[in-house]
Amino acid sequence: MSRTFVKLCGLQTPEDAEKLNGVDADAAGMIFVPGRRRTVKGKQAAAIAAQLPRGIEKVGVFMDPAEEDLREATNRIPLDWVQLHGTESPRLCRWVKEELGTAVIKVVHAGQAPPAPAEAYADHVDAVLVDSVLGKQKGGTGQVFSWDLLRTEQAHWRALGLPVWVAGGLTADNVEGLLTEHAPDGVDTSSGVESEGVKDRSKMRRFVERVRKYDRQHR
């Protein structure tokens, strides 16, 4: 069984990217959703991407984007993944894969039905990320959802051949519990590796080390 995919999200500066040196993560995320605290724009995102250690995959996070915005971002930055966090259709997921050539992460929200039947996404996404909801805010909440909801989500999406990742309030203190209870295929955190809103290298290392400890014992 392959190791747990670890994504550290919400990088805001080139210094954040440099902090990933020596951290055994798989991917780093940059937020392109307008109005979010961690949102980055073109030149800033390109500078972050340029400082990422070799081997760290680049993820662009979008919510209900226009096709031209996606194309502009991928023209500027060599993204490996596009993460779609809103009500994006299977058609848009297919367009991203075919036209932009990136892998696609489709976010679904714990306890809520996806925008279209799961089967319609199956051929057009590469991973499903289950995230939390807080009021009208979807994702980026720093809140843990009830992991009991994962049983249904995992069974449904895995039956379609898709890996299931989990986000929502994950920290070094709770990620082992999640892995032990539910063994998701990937984990994603942002605020869980920050101190006072800034990426904290020691927290990044500790989070990833906890995941890799689980991997060594169970995968």
N, C-alpha and C. Protein backbone atom coordinates (compact mmCIF):
# COMPACT_ATOMS: atom_id res chain seq x y z
N MET A 1 0.85 -1.19 0.00
CA MET A 1 0.00 0.00 0.00
C MET A 1 0.89 1.24 0.00
N SER A 2 0.57 2.24 -0.80
CA SER A 2 1.39 3.44 -0.90
C SER A 2 1.25 4.29 0.35
N ARG A 3 2.22 5.18 0.54
CA ARG A 3 2.19 6.01 1.73
C ARG A 3 1.09 7.06 1.63
N THR A 4 0.77 7.64 2.77
CA THR A 4 -0.26 8.68 2.84
C THR A 4 0.23 9.93 2.11
N PHE A 5 -0.61 10.47 1.24
CA PHE A 5 -0.29 11.71 0.53
C PHE A 5 -0.48 12.87 1.51
N VAL A 6 0.54 13.71 1.64
CA VAL A 6 0.48 14.84 2.57
C VAL A 6 0.57 16.14 1.79
N LYS A 7 -0.45 16.97 1.94
CA LYS A 7 -0.48 18.29 1.32
C LYS A 7 -0.50 19.35 2.42
N LEU A 8 0.42 20.29 2.33
CA LEU A 8 0.46 21.43 3.24
C LEU A 8 0.00 22.64 2.45
N CYS A 9 -1.08 23.24 2.89
CA CYS A 9 -1.76 24.24 2.06
C CYS A 9 -1.62 25.65 2.63
N GLY A 10 -1.96 26.63 1.77
CA GLY A 10 -2.02 28.01 2.20
C GLY A 10 -0.69 28.72 2.30
N LEU A 11 0.29 28.34 1.46
CA LEU A 11 1.55 29.06 1.46
C LEU A 11 1.32 30.48 0.94
N GLN A 12 1.96 31.46 1.62
CA GLN A 12 1.72 32.86 1.27
C GLN A 12 2.97 33.61 0.81
N THR A 13 4.14 33.06 1.09
CA THR A 13 5.39 33.75 0.77
C THR A 13 6.43 32.75 0.29
N PRO A 14 7.47 33.24 -0.41
CA PRO A 14 8.58 32.35 -0.76
C PRO A 14 9.24 31.75 0.47
N GLU A 15 9.23 32.49 1.57
CA GLU A 15 9.81 31.97 2.81
C GLU A 15 9.04 30.75 3.30
N ASP A 16 7.71 30.77 3.13
CA ASP A 16 6.92 29.58 3.48
C ASP A 16 7.38 28.37 2.68
N ALA A 17 7.64 28.60 1.40
CA ALA A 17 8.08 27.49 0.54
C ALA A 17 9.44 26.96 1.00
N GLU A 18 10.34 27.85 1.36
CA GLU A 18 11.67 27.43 1.80
C GLU A 18 11.60 26.59 3.07
N LYS A 19 10.59 26.85 3.89
CA LYS A 19 10.44 26.09 5.14
C LYS A 19 10.15 24.61 4.90
N LEU A 20 9.78 24.27 3.67
CA LEU A 20 9.49 22.87 3.35
C LEU A 20 10.75 22.06 3.07
N ASN A 21 11.91 22.71 3.02
CA ASN A 21 13.15 21.96 2.85
C ASN A 21 13.32 20.99 4.02
N GLY A 22 13.52 19.72 3.70
CA GLY A 22 13.68 18.72 4.74
C GLY A 22 12.39 18.22 5.34
N VAL A 23 11.26 18.70 4.85
CA VAL A 23 9.95 18.23 5.32
C VAL A 23 9.41 17.25 4.28
N ASP A 24 9.07 16.05 4.71
CA ASP A 24 8.73 14.97 3.78
C ASP A 24 7.26 15.02 3.34
N ALA A 25 6.85 16.20 2.87
CA ALA A 25 5.49 16.35 2.33
C ALA A 25 5.48 16.00 0.85
N ASP A 26 4.29 15.78 0.32
CA ASP A 26 4.15 15.46 -1.10
C ASP A 26 3.78 16.66 -1.94
N ALA A 27 3.03 17.60 -1.36
CA ALA A 27 2.51 18.72 -2.15
C ALA A 27 2.32 19.94 -1.26
N ALA A 28 2.34 21.09 -1.92
CA ALA A 28 2.08 22.37 -1.25
C ALA A 28 1.02 23.11 -2.03
N GLY A 29 0.10 23.73 -1.30
CA GLY A 29 -1.02 24.41 -1.94
C GLY A 29 -0.94 25.92 -1.84
N MET A 30 -1.39 26.58 -2.91
CA MET A 30 -1.53 28.03 -2.93
C MET A 30 -2.98 28.36 -3.24
N ILE A 31 -3.52 29.34 -2.52
CA ILE A 31 -4.94 29.67 -2.60
C ILE A 31 -5.15 30.77 -3.63
N PHE A 32 -5.99 30.51 -4.61
CA PHE A 32 -6.33 31.50 -5.63
C PHE A 32 -7.80 31.95 -5.51
N VAL A 33 -8.39 31.70 -4.35
CA VAL A 33 -9.79 32.07 -4.12
C VAL A 33 -9.83 33.50 -3.63
N PRO A 34 -10.49 34.43 -4.33
CA PRO A 34 -10.52 35.82 -3.89
C PRO A 34 -11.13 35.97 -2.50
N GLY A 35 -10.54 36.88 -1.72
CA GLY A 35 -11.12 37.23 -0.44
C GLY A 35 -10.74 36.37 0.73
N ARG A 36 -9.93 35.36 0.51
CA ARG A 36 -9.47 34.52 1.63
C ARG A 36 -8.17 35.10 2.20
N ARG A 37 -7.96 34.85 3.49
CA ARG A 37 -6.78 35.41 4.16
C ARG A 37 -5.48 34.97 3.51
N ARG A 38 -5.44 33.75 3.02
CA ARG A 38 -4.20 33.21 2.46
C ARG A 38 -4.13 33.34 0.93
N THR A 39 -5.02 34.11 0.33
CA THR A 39 -5.04 34.23 -1.13
C THR A 39 -3.73 34.84 -1.65
N VAL A 40 -3.23 34.26 -2.74
CA VAL A 40 -2.06 34.82 -3.41
C VAL A 40 -2.43 35.12 -4.86
N LYS A 41 -1.68 36.02 -5.47
CA LYS A 41 -1.91 36.39 -6.86
C LYS A 41 -0.71 35.98 -7.71
N GLY A 42 -0.81 36.28 -9.00
CA GLY A 42 0.11 35.74 -9.99
C GLY A 42 1.59 35.79 -9.66
N LYS A 43 2.19 36.99 -9.55
CA LYS A 43 3.63 37.09 -9.33
C LYS A 43 4.02 36.50 -7.99
N GLN A 44 3.18 36.74 -6.99
CA GLN A 44 3.45 36.19 -5.66
C GLN A 44 3.45 34.67 -5.69
N ALA A 45 2.46 34.10 -6.37
CA ALA A 45 2.37 32.64 -6.47
C ALA A 45 3.56 32.07 -7.23
N ALA A 46 3.97 32.75 -8.29
CA ALA A 46 5.12 32.28 -9.06
C ALA A 46 6.39 32.29 -8.22
N ALA A 47 6.54 33.31 -7.39
CA ALA A 47 7.72 33.38 -6.51
C ALA A 47 7.70 32.26 -5.48
N ILE A 48 6.53 31.94 -4.96
CA ILE A 48 6.41 30.83 -4.01
C ILE A 48 6.77 29.52 -4.70
N ALA A 49 6.19 29.30 -5.87
CA ALA A 49 6.43 28.05 -6.60
C ALA A 49 7.91 27.87 -6.91
N ALA A 50 8.59 28.97 -7.22
CA ALA A 50 10.01 28.88 -7.57
C ALA A 50 10.88 28.45 -6.40
N GLN A 51 10.41 28.68 -5.18
CA GLN A 51 11.20 28.34 -4.00
C GLN A 51 10.86 26.98 -3.41
N LEU A 52 9.87 26.30 -3.95
CA LEU A 52 9.52 24.99 -3.41
C LEU A 52 10.64 23.98 -3.66
N PRO A 53 10.95 23.16 -2.68
CA PRO A 53 11.98 22.13 -2.89
C PRO A 53 11.59 21.18 -4.02
N ARG A 54 12.58 20.65 -4.69
CA ARG A 54 12.33 19.68 -5.76
C ARG A 54 11.57 18.48 -5.18
N GLY A 55 10.59 18.03 -5.93
CA GLY A 55 9.81 16.87 -5.49
C GLY A 55 8.51 17.23 -4.81
N ILE A 56 8.35 18.50 -4.41
CA ILE A 56 7.08 18.94 -3.82
C ILE A 56 6.15 19.36 -4.95
N GLU A 57 5.02 18.69 -5.08
CA GLU A 57 4.08 19.02 -6.14
C GLU A 57 3.32 20.30 -5.81
N LYS A 58 2.96 21.03 -6.85
CA LYS A 58 2.32 22.33 -6.70
C LYS A 58 0.81 22.20 -6.94
N VAL A 59 0.03 22.71 -5.99
CA VAL A 59 -1.43 22.63 -6.06
C VAL A 59 -1.99 24.05 -6.06
N GLY A 60 -2.84 24.35 -7.03
CA GLY A 60 -3.57 25.61 -7.04
C GLY A 60 -5.00 25.37 -6.60
N VAL A 61 -5.44 26.13 -5.60
CA VAL A 61 -6.78 25.94 -5.03
C VAL A 61 -7.70 27.04 -5.55
N PHE A 62 -8.83 26.62 -6.15
CA PHE A 62 -9.78 27.54 -6.76
C PHE A 62 -11.19 27.20 -6.27
N MET A 63 -12.07 28.19 -6.35
CA MET A 63 -13.48 27.95 -6.03
C MET A 63 -14.34 28.58 -7.12
N ASP A 64 -15.04 27.73 -7.86
CA ASP A 64 -15.92 28.17 -8.95
C ASP A 64 -15.22 29.16 -9.89
N PRO A 65 -14.05 28.80 -10.39
CA PRO A 65 -13.29 29.72 -11.23
C PRO A 65 -13.81 29.74 -12.67
N ALA A 66 -13.51 30.84 -13.35
CA ALA A 66 -13.73 30.90 -14.79
C ALA A 66 -12.58 30.16 -15.49
N GLU A 67 -12.86 29.62 -16.66
CA GLU A 67 -11.83 28.89 -17.38
C GLU A 67 -10.62 29.77 -17.67
N GLU A 68 -10.86 31.05 -17.99
CA GLU A 68 -9.72 31.92 -18.31
C GLU A 68 -8.83 32.16 -17.09
N ASP A 69 -9.42 32.16 -15.88
CA ASP A 69 -8.61 32.33 -14.68
C ASP A 69 -7.75 31.09 -14.43
N LEU A 70 -8.31 29.94 -14.68
CA LEU A 70 -7.53 28.70 -14.54
C LEU A 70 -6.39 28.66 -15.55
N ARG A 71 -6.70 29.05 -16.78
CA ARG A 71 -5.66 29.02 -17.82
C ARG A 71 -4.54 30.02 -17.50
N GLU A 72 -4.91 31.20 -17.02
CA GLU A 72 -3.90 32.20 -16.68
C GLU A 72 -2.99 31.68 -15.57
N ALA A 73 -3.58 31.07 -14.55
CA ALA A 73 -2.77 30.57 -13.43
C ALA A 73 -1.82 29.47 -13.87
N THR A 74 -2.32 28.55 -14.68
CA THR A 74 -1.46 27.43 -15.10
C THR A 74 -0.43 27.86 -16.14
N ASN A 75 -0.69 28.94 -16.86
CA ASN A 75 0.32 29.47 -17.78
C ASN A 75 1.47 30.11 -17.01
N ARG A 76 1.15 30.69 -15.85
CA ARG A 76 2.16 31.39 -15.06
C ARG A 76 2.95 30.43 -14.15
N ILE A 77 2.26 29.41 -13.65
CA ILE A 77 2.86 28.50 -12.66
C ILE A 77 2.70 27.07 -13.15
N PRO A 78 3.74 26.26 -13.08
CA PRO A 78 3.63 24.86 -13.51
C PRO A 78 2.91 24.00 -12.46
N LEU A 79 1.60 24.17 -12.37
CA LEU A 79 0.83 23.43 -11.38
C LEU A 79 0.76 21.95 -11.75
N ASP A 80 0.88 21.12 -10.74
CA ASP A 80 0.68 19.68 -10.92
C ASP A 80 -0.77 19.28 -10.69
N TRP A 81 -1.43 20.02 -9.82
CA TRP A 81 -2.82 19.74 -9.45
C TRP A 81 -3.63 21.03 -9.46
N VAL A 82 -4.88 20.92 -9.85
CA VAL A 82 -5.88 21.97 -9.64
C VAL A 82 -6.91 21.42 -8.66
N GLN A 83 -7.08 22.13 -7.56
CA GLN A 83 -8.06 21.73 -6.54
C GLN A 83 -9.29 22.62 -6.68
N LEU A 84 -10.44 22.00 -6.88
CA LEU A 84 -11.69 22.71 -7.12
C LEU A 84 -12.57 22.59 -5.88
N HIS A 85 -12.84 23.74 -5.26
CA HIS A 85 -13.39 23.77 -3.91
C HIS A 85 -14.85 24.18 -3.86
N GLY A 86 -15.47 24.40 -5.02
CA GLY A 86 -16.83 24.91 -5.00
C GLY A 86 -17.84 23.95 -5.58
N THR A 87 -18.70 24.48 -6.46
CA THR A 87 -19.76 23.68 -7.07
C THR A 87 -19.42 23.32 -8.51
N GLU A 88 -18.14 23.14 -8.77
CA GLU A 88 -17.68 22.87 -10.14
C GLU A 88 -18.30 21.59 -10.69
N SER A 89 -18.64 21.64 -11.95
CA SER A 89 -19.31 20.52 -12.62
C SER A 89 -18.30 19.47 -13.08
N PRO A 90 -18.76 18.26 -13.35
CA PRO A 90 -17.88 17.27 -13.98
C PRO A 90 -17.30 17.78 -15.30
N ARG A 91 -18.07 18.58 -16.03
CA ARG A 91 -17.58 19.12 -17.31
C ARG A 91 -16.34 19.98 -17.09
N LEU A 92 -16.35 20.83 -16.04
CA LEU A 92 -15.18 21.67 -15.79
C LEU A 92 -13.99 20.82 -15.36
N CYS A 93 -14.24 19.81 -14.56
CA CYS A 93 -13.14 18.92 -14.16
C CYS A 93 -12.51 18.27 -15.39
N ARG A 94 -13.34 17.83 -16.31
CA ARG A 94 -12.83 17.23 -17.54
C ARG A 94 -12.04 18.25 -18.35
N TRP A 95 -12.54 19.46 -18.43
CA TRP A 95 -11.85 20.52 -19.18
C TRP A 95 -10.47 20.78 -18.59
N VAL A 96 -10.38 20.84 -17.27
CA VAL A 96 -9.07 21.08 -16.64
C VAL A 96 -8.08 20.00 -17.03
N LYS A 97 -8.49 18.75 -16.95
CA LYS A 97 -7.59 17.64 -17.27
C LYS A 97 -7.19 17.66 -18.74
N GLU A 98 -8.16 17.89 -19.61
CA GLU A 98 -7.88 17.81 -21.04
C GLU A 98 -7.17 19.04 -21.57
N GLU A 99 -7.57 20.22 -21.12
CA GLU A 99 -7.03 21.46 -21.68
C GLU A 99 -5.78 21.94 -20.95
N LEU A 100 -5.72 21.76 -19.65
CA LEU A 100 -4.61 22.28 -18.86
C LEU A 100 -3.58 21.20 -18.52
N GLY A 101 -3.99 19.95 -18.60
CA GLY A 101 -3.05 18.86 -18.39
C GLY A 101 -2.64 18.63 -16.95
N THR A 102 -3.40 19.13 -16.01
CA THR A 102 -3.10 18.89 -14.60
C THR A 102 -4.01 17.79 -14.04
N ALA A 103 -3.60 17.24 -12.93
CA ALA A 103 -4.49 16.36 -12.17
C ALA A 103 -5.52 17.23 -11.44
N VAL A 104 -6.64 16.63 -11.07
CA VAL A 104 -7.74 17.37 -10.45
C VAL A 104 -8.10 16.77 -9.10
N ILE A 105 -8.18 17.65 -8.10
CA ILE A 105 -8.73 17.30 -6.79
C ILE A 105 -10.10 17.94 -6.70
N LYS A 106 -11.14 17.16 -6.49
CA LYS A 106 -12.48 17.73 -6.28
C LYS A 106 -12.79 17.67 -4.79
N VAL A 107 -13.09 18.82 -4.23
CA VAL A 107 -13.47 18.90 -2.82
C VAL A 107 -14.95 18.63 -2.67
N VAL A 108 -15.28 17.80 -1.70
CA VAL A 108 -16.67 17.61 -1.28
C VAL A 108 -16.72 17.97 0.20
N HIS A 109 -17.90 18.35 0.65
CA HIS A 109 -18.02 18.86 2.01
C HIS A 109 -18.77 17.86 2.88
N ALA A 110 -18.19 17.58 4.01
CA ALA A 110 -18.66 16.52 4.89
C ALA A 110 -20.15 16.68 5.19
N GLY A 111 -20.89 15.62 4.93
CA GLY A 111 -22.32 15.62 5.23
C GLY A 111 -23.18 16.26 4.17
N GLN A 112 -22.57 16.73 3.07
CA GLN A 112 -23.33 17.36 2.00
C GLN A 112 -23.15 16.58 0.70
N ALA A 113 -24.19 16.56 -0.11
CA ALA A 113 -24.11 15.89 -1.41
C ALA A 113 -23.21 16.70 -2.34
N PRO A 114 -22.47 16.04 -3.22
CA PRO A 114 -21.67 16.77 -4.20
C PRO A 114 -22.57 17.50 -5.20
N PRO A 115 -22.01 18.47 -5.95
CA PRO A 115 -22.83 19.25 -6.88
C PRO A 115 -23.50 18.41 -7.97
N ALA A 116 -22.90 17.28 -8.31
CA ALA A 116 -23.46 16.36 -9.31
C ALA A 116 -23.25 14.94 -8.77
N PRO A 117 -23.95 13.97 -9.32
CA PRO A 117 -23.75 12.59 -8.84
C PRO A 117 -22.28 12.20 -8.88
N ALA A 118 -21.85 11.49 -7.85
CA ALA A 118 -20.44 11.10 -7.74
C ALA A 118 -19.96 10.38 -9.00
N GLU A 119 -20.81 9.55 -9.56
CA GLU A 119 -20.42 8.77 -10.74
C GLU A 119 -20.03 9.67 -11.91
N ALA A 120 -20.63 10.86 -11.97
CA ALA A 120 -20.34 11.77 -13.08
C ALA A 120 -18.92 12.35 -12.98
N TYR A 121 -18.37 12.38 -11.77
CA TYR A 121 -17.01 12.90 -11.59
C TYR A 121 -15.93 11.84 -11.79
N ALA A 122 -16.31 10.58 -11.70
CA ALA A 122 -15.34 9.50 -11.53
C ALA A 122 -14.23 9.50 -12.57
N ASP A 123 -14.54 9.77 -13.82
CA ASP A 123 -13.54 9.72 -14.88
C ASP A 123 -12.77 11.02 -15.05
N HIS A 124 -13.13 12.04 -14.28
CA HIS A 124 -12.58 13.37 -14.54
C HIS A 124 -11.84 13.97 -13.36
N VAL A 125 -11.71 13.24 -12.26
CA VAL A 125 -10.93 13.72 -11.12
C VAL A 125 -9.95 12.63 -10.70
N ASP A 126 -8.91 13.05 -9.98
CA ASP A 126 -7.86 12.12 -9.57
C ASP A 126 -7.86 11.85 -8.08
N ALA A 127 -8.51 12.71 -7.31
CA ALA A 127 -8.63 12.51 -5.87
C ALA A 127 -9.83 13.31 -5.38
N VAL A 128 -10.43 12.84 -4.31
CA VAL A 128 -11.54 13.53 -3.66
C VAL A 128 -11.07 13.96 -2.28
N LEU A 129 -11.28 15.23 -1.95
CA LEU A 129 -10.88 15.77 -0.65
C LEU A 129 -12.13 16.11 0.15
N VAL A 130 -12.30 15.46 1.28
CA VAL A 130 -13.45 15.72 2.16
C VAL A 130 -13.03 16.80 3.15
N ASP A 131 -13.76 17.91 3.16
CA ASP A 131 -13.40 19.05 4.00
C ASP A 131 -14.61 19.47 4.83
N SER A 132 -14.36 20.34 5.78
CA SER A 132 -15.41 20.78 6.70
C SER A 132 -16.13 22.02 6.17
N VAL A 133 -17.26 22.30 6.77
CA VAL A 133 -18.06 23.49 6.45
C VAL A 133 -18.36 24.20 7.76
N LEU A 134 -18.24 25.53 7.77
CA LEU A 134 -18.58 26.32 8.95
C LEU A 134 -19.47 27.46 8.49
N GLY A 135 -20.78 27.33 8.74
CA GLY A 135 -21.72 28.31 8.22
C GLY A 135 -21.69 28.30 6.71
N LYS A 136 -21.44 29.46 6.10
CA LYS A 136 -21.36 29.55 4.65
C LYS A 136 -19.94 29.35 4.13
N GLN A 137 -18.99 29.24 5.05
CA GLN A 137 -17.59 29.07 4.62
C GLN A 137 -17.29 27.61 4.39
N LYS A 138 -16.85 27.31 3.18
CA LYS A 138 -16.49 25.95 2.81
C LYS A 138 -14.98 25.86 2.69
N GLY A 139 -14.38 25.09 3.59
CA GLY A 139 -12.95 24.95 3.58
C GLY A 139 -12.25 26.10 4.26
N GLY A 140 -11.01 25.86 4.66
CA GLY A 140 -10.24 26.90 5.33
C GLY A 140 -10.80 27.30 6.68
N THR A 141 -11.59 26.41 7.28
CA THR A 141 -12.25 26.75 8.54
C THR A 141 -11.38 26.45 9.75
N GLY A 142 -10.43 25.55 9.60
CA GLY A 142 -9.65 25.12 10.75
C GLY A 142 -10.45 24.28 11.73
N GLN A 143 -11.62 23.82 11.29
CA GLN A 143 -12.52 23.07 12.16
C GLN A 143 -12.55 21.60 11.75
N VAL A 144 -12.56 20.73 12.74
CA VAL A 144 -12.67 19.29 12.50
C VAL A 144 -14.14 18.93 12.32
N PHE A 145 -14.47 18.15 11.29
CA PHE A 145 -15.83 17.65 11.15
C PHE A 145 -15.92 16.28 11.80
N SER A 146 -17.13 15.77 11.93
CA SER A 146 -17.32 14.45 12.52
C SER A 146 -16.75 13.38 11.59
N TRP A 147 -15.71 12.72 12.02
CA TRP A 147 -15.08 11.72 11.16
C TRP A 147 -15.96 10.51 10.92
N ASP A 148 -17.03 10.37 11.69
CA ASP A 148 -17.98 9.29 11.41
C ASP A 148 -18.54 9.40 10.00
N LEU A 149 -18.59 10.63 9.48
CA LEU A 149 -19.11 10.85 8.12
C LEU A 149 -18.19 10.23 7.06
N LEU A 150 -16.96 9.96 7.42
CA LEU A 150 -16.01 9.44 6.44
C LEU A 150 -16.33 8.04 5.97
N ARG A 151 -16.98 7.26 6.80
CA ARG A 151 -17.25 5.88 6.40
C ARG A 151 -18.04 5.83 5.10
N THR A 152 -19.08 6.63 5.04
CA THR A 152 -19.90 6.66 3.83
C THR A 152 -19.14 7.26 2.66
N GLU A 153 -18.45 8.38 2.91
CA GLU A 153 -17.71 9.05 1.84
C GLU A 153 -16.64 8.12 1.26
N GLN A 154 -15.89 7.47 2.13
CA GLN A 154 -14.82 6.61 1.64
C GLN A 154 -15.36 5.42 0.85
N ALA A 155 -16.40 4.81 1.37
CA ALA A 155 -16.96 3.64 0.68
C ALA A 155 -17.45 4.03 -0.71
N HIS A 156 -18.11 5.18 -0.80
CA HIS A 156 -18.71 5.60 -2.06
C HIS A 156 -17.65 5.95 -3.10
N TRP A 157 -16.70 6.81 -2.72
CA TRP A 157 -15.72 7.28 -3.68
C TRP A 157 -14.70 6.20 -4.03
N ARG A 158 -14.31 5.41 -3.05
CA ARG A 158 -13.35 4.34 -3.34
C ARG A 158 -13.94 3.28 -4.25
N ALA A 159 -15.25 3.08 -4.14
CA ALA A 159 -15.90 2.13 -5.05
C ALA A 159 -15.81 2.60 -6.50
N LEU A 160 -15.61 3.91 -6.68
CA LEU A 160 -15.44 4.47 -8.02
C LEU A 160 -13.96 4.55 -8.42
N GLY A 161 -13.10 4.02 -7.57
CA GLY A 161 -11.68 3.98 -7.88
C GLY A 161 -10.91 5.23 -7.53
N LEU A 162 -11.48 6.09 -6.66
CA LEU A 162 -10.84 7.36 -6.35
C LEU A 162 -10.27 7.36 -4.93
N PRO A 163 -9.05 7.87 -4.75
CA PRO A 163 -8.51 8.03 -3.41
C PRO A 163 -9.25 9.14 -2.67
N VAL A 164 -9.37 8.98 -1.36
CA VAL A 164 -10.08 9.95 -0.53
C VAL A 164 -9.09 10.59 0.44
N TRP A 165 -8.99 11.90 0.37
CA TRP A 165 -8.15 12.69 1.27
C TRP A 165 -9.05 13.42 2.26
N VAL A 166 -8.46 13.87 3.36
CA VAL A 166 -9.23 14.54 4.41
C VAL A 166 -8.54 15.84 4.81
N ALA A 167 -9.34 16.89 4.99
CA ALA A 167 -8.88 18.17 5.53
C ALA A 167 -9.85 18.59 6.63
N GLY A 168 -9.54 19.70 7.27
CA GLY A 168 -10.44 20.23 8.28
C GLY A 168 -9.87 20.10 9.69
N GLY A 169 -9.11 21.12 10.12
CA GLY A 169 -8.65 21.16 11.50
C GLY A 169 -7.60 20.13 11.86
N LEU A 170 -6.87 19.61 10.89
CA LEU A 170 -5.87 18.59 11.20
C LEU A 170 -4.60 19.21 11.77
N THR A 171 -4.07 18.59 12.81
CA THR A 171 -2.84 19.01 13.46
C THR A 171 -1.99 17.78 13.75
N ALA A 172 -0.78 18.02 14.22
CA ALA A 172 0.07 16.89 14.61
C ALA A 172 -0.54 16.12 15.77
N ASP A 173 -1.40 16.75 16.54
CA ASP A 173 -1.99 16.10 17.71
C ASP A 173 -3.17 15.21 17.38
N ASN A 174 -3.82 15.44 16.23
CA ASN A 174 -5.01 14.61 15.93
C ASN A 174 -4.87 13.77 14.66
N VAL A 175 -3.83 14.00 13.87
CA VAL A 175 -3.76 13.31 12.58
C VAL A 175 -3.54 11.80 12.75
N GLU A 176 -2.80 11.39 13.79
CA GLU A 176 -2.62 9.96 14.00
C GLU A 176 -3.94 9.27 14.32
N GLY A 177 -4.79 9.96 15.09
CA GLY A 177 -6.09 9.39 15.40
C GLY A 177 -6.93 9.20 14.15
N LEU A 178 -6.91 10.20 13.27
CA LEU A 178 -7.63 10.08 12.00
C LEU A 178 -7.10 8.90 11.19
N LEU A 179 -5.80 8.80 11.07
CA LEU A 179 -5.20 7.73 10.27
C LEU A 179 -5.51 6.36 10.87
N THR A 180 -5.44 6.26 12.17
CA THR A 180 -5.69 4.97 12.82
C THR A 180 -7.14 4.54 12.66
N GLU A 181 -8.06 5.49 12.78
CA GLU A 181 -9.49 5.15 12.72
C GLU A 181 -9.98 4.95 11.29
N HIS A 182 -9.48 5.74 10.34
CA HIS A 182 -10.09 5.76 9.01
C HIS A 182 -9.13 5.55 7.85
N ALA A 183 -7.83 5.63 8.09
CA ALA A 183 -6.83 5.39 7.05
C ALA A 183 -7.15 6.08 5.72
N PRO A 184 -7.36 7.40 5.72
CA PRO A 184 -7.56 8.08 4.44
C PRO A 184 -6.31 7.96 3.57
N ASP A 185 -6.50 8.15 2.28
CA ASP A 185 -5.38 8.05 1.35
C ASP A 185 -4.48 9.27 1.39
N GLY A 186 -5.00 10.39 1.89
CA GLY A 186 -4.22 11.61 1.98
C GLY A 186 -4.76 12.51 3.06
N VAL A 187 -3.91 13.44 3.52
CA VAL A 187 -4.32 14.43 4.52
C VAL A 187 -3.83 15.80 4.06
N ASP A 188 -4.55 16.83 4.50
CA ASP A 188 -4.31 18.19 4.03
C ASP A 188 -4.50 19.13 5.22
N THR A 189 -3.54 20.00 5.45
CA THR A 189 -3.68 20.95 6.56
C THR A 189 -3.10 22.30 6.17
N SER A 190 -3.61 23.35 6.82
CA SER A 190 -3.09 24.69 6.62
C SER A 190 -2.87 25.35 7.97
N SER A 191 -3.97 25.71 8.65
CA SER A 191 -3.83 26.36 9.95
C SER A 191 -3.17 25.46 10.98
N GLY A 192 -3.25 24.16 10.78
CA GLY A 192 -2.65 23.22 11.72
C GLY A 192 -1.14 23.23 11.74
N VAL A 193 -0.52 23.90 10.77
CA VAL A 193 0.94 24.02 10.75
C VAL A 193 1.35 25.49 10.76
N GLU A 194 0.55 26.30 11.44
CA GLU A 194 0.83 27.73 11.56
C GLU A 194 0.94 28.14 13.02
N SER A 195 1.68 29.21 13.25
CA SER A 195 1.71 29.89 14.54
C SER A 195 1.40 31.35 14.28
N GLU A 196 0.31 31.82 14.88
CA GLU A 196 -0.14 33.20 14.69
C GLU A 196 -0.28 33.55 13.21
N GLY A 197 -0.84 32.61 12.45
CA GLY A 197 -1.14 32.86 11.05
C GLY A 197 0.02 32.74 10.09
N VAL A 198 1.18 32.29 10.58
CA VAL A 198 2.37 32.16 9.74
C VAL A 198 2.81 30.70 9.75
N LYS A 199 3.18 30.18 8.59
CA LYS A 199 3.65 28.81 8.51
C LYS A 199 4.84 28.60 9.45
N ASP A 200 4.76 27.52 10.23
CA ASP A 200 5.74 27.21 11.27
C ASP A 200 6.47 25.93 10.86
N ARG A 201 7.76 26.04 10.58
CA ARG A 201 8.50 24.88 10.07
C ARG A 201 8.49 23.72 11.06
N SER A 202 8.61 24.01 12.34
CA SER A 202 8.62 22.92 13.31
C SER A 202 7.28 22.20 13.34
N LYS A 203 6.19 22.94 13.16
CA LYS A 203 4.87 22.30 13.13
C LYS A 203 4.69 21.49 11.85
N MET A 204 5.22 22.01 10.74
CA MET A 204 5.18 21.25 9.50
C MET A 204 5.89 19.91 9.67
N ARG A 205 7.10 19.96 10.21
CA ARG A 205 7.90 18.75 10.39
C ARG A 205 7.18 17.77 11.32
N ARG A 206 6.64 18.29 12.40
CA ARG A 206 5.99 17.42 13.38
C ARG A 206 4.76 16.75 12.78
N PHE A 207 3.97 17.52 12.03
CA PHE A 207 2.78 16.96 11.39
C PHE A 207 3.16 15.83 10.44
N VAL A 208 4.11 16.10 9.57
CA VAL A 208 4.49 15.10 8.57
C VAL A 208 5.15 13.90 9.25
N GLU A 209 5.94 14.13 10.26
CA GLU A 209 6.58 13.01 10.96
C GLU A 209 5.54 12.08 11.59
N ARG A 210 4.45 12.66 12.11
CA ARG A 210 3.39 11.82 12.68
C ARG A 210 2.75 10.95 11.59
N VAL A 211 2.56 11.53 10.42
CA VAL A 211 1.97 10.76 9.32
C VAL A 211 2.92 9.65 8.89
N ARG A 212 4.20 9.97 8.74
CA ARG A 212 5.16 8.97 8.28
C ARG A 212 5.37 7.87 9.33
N LYS A 213 5.25 8.22 10.60
CA LYS A 213 5.31 7.19 11.64
C LYS A 213 4.18 6.19 11.45
N TYR A 214 2.98 6.71 11.20
CA TYR A 214 1.84 5.82 10.92
C TYR A 214 2.12 4.97 9.69
N ASP A 215 2.64 5.60 8.65
CA ASP A 215 2.92 4.87 7.41
C ASP A 215 3.89 3.71 7.65
N ARG A 216 4.92 3.97 8.40
CA ARG A 216 5.91 2.92 8.66
C ARG A 216 5.29 1.73 9.40
N GLN A 217 4.35 2.02 10.26
CA GLN A 217 3.75 0.97 11.08
C GLN A 217 2.61 0.24 10.39
N HIS A 218 1.93 0.93 9.47
CA HIS A 218 0.68 0.37 8.94
C HIS A 218 0.61 0.27 7.42
N ARG A 219 1.46 0.95 6.70
CA ARG A 219 1.40 0.90 5.24
C ARG A 219 2.66 0.23 4.69
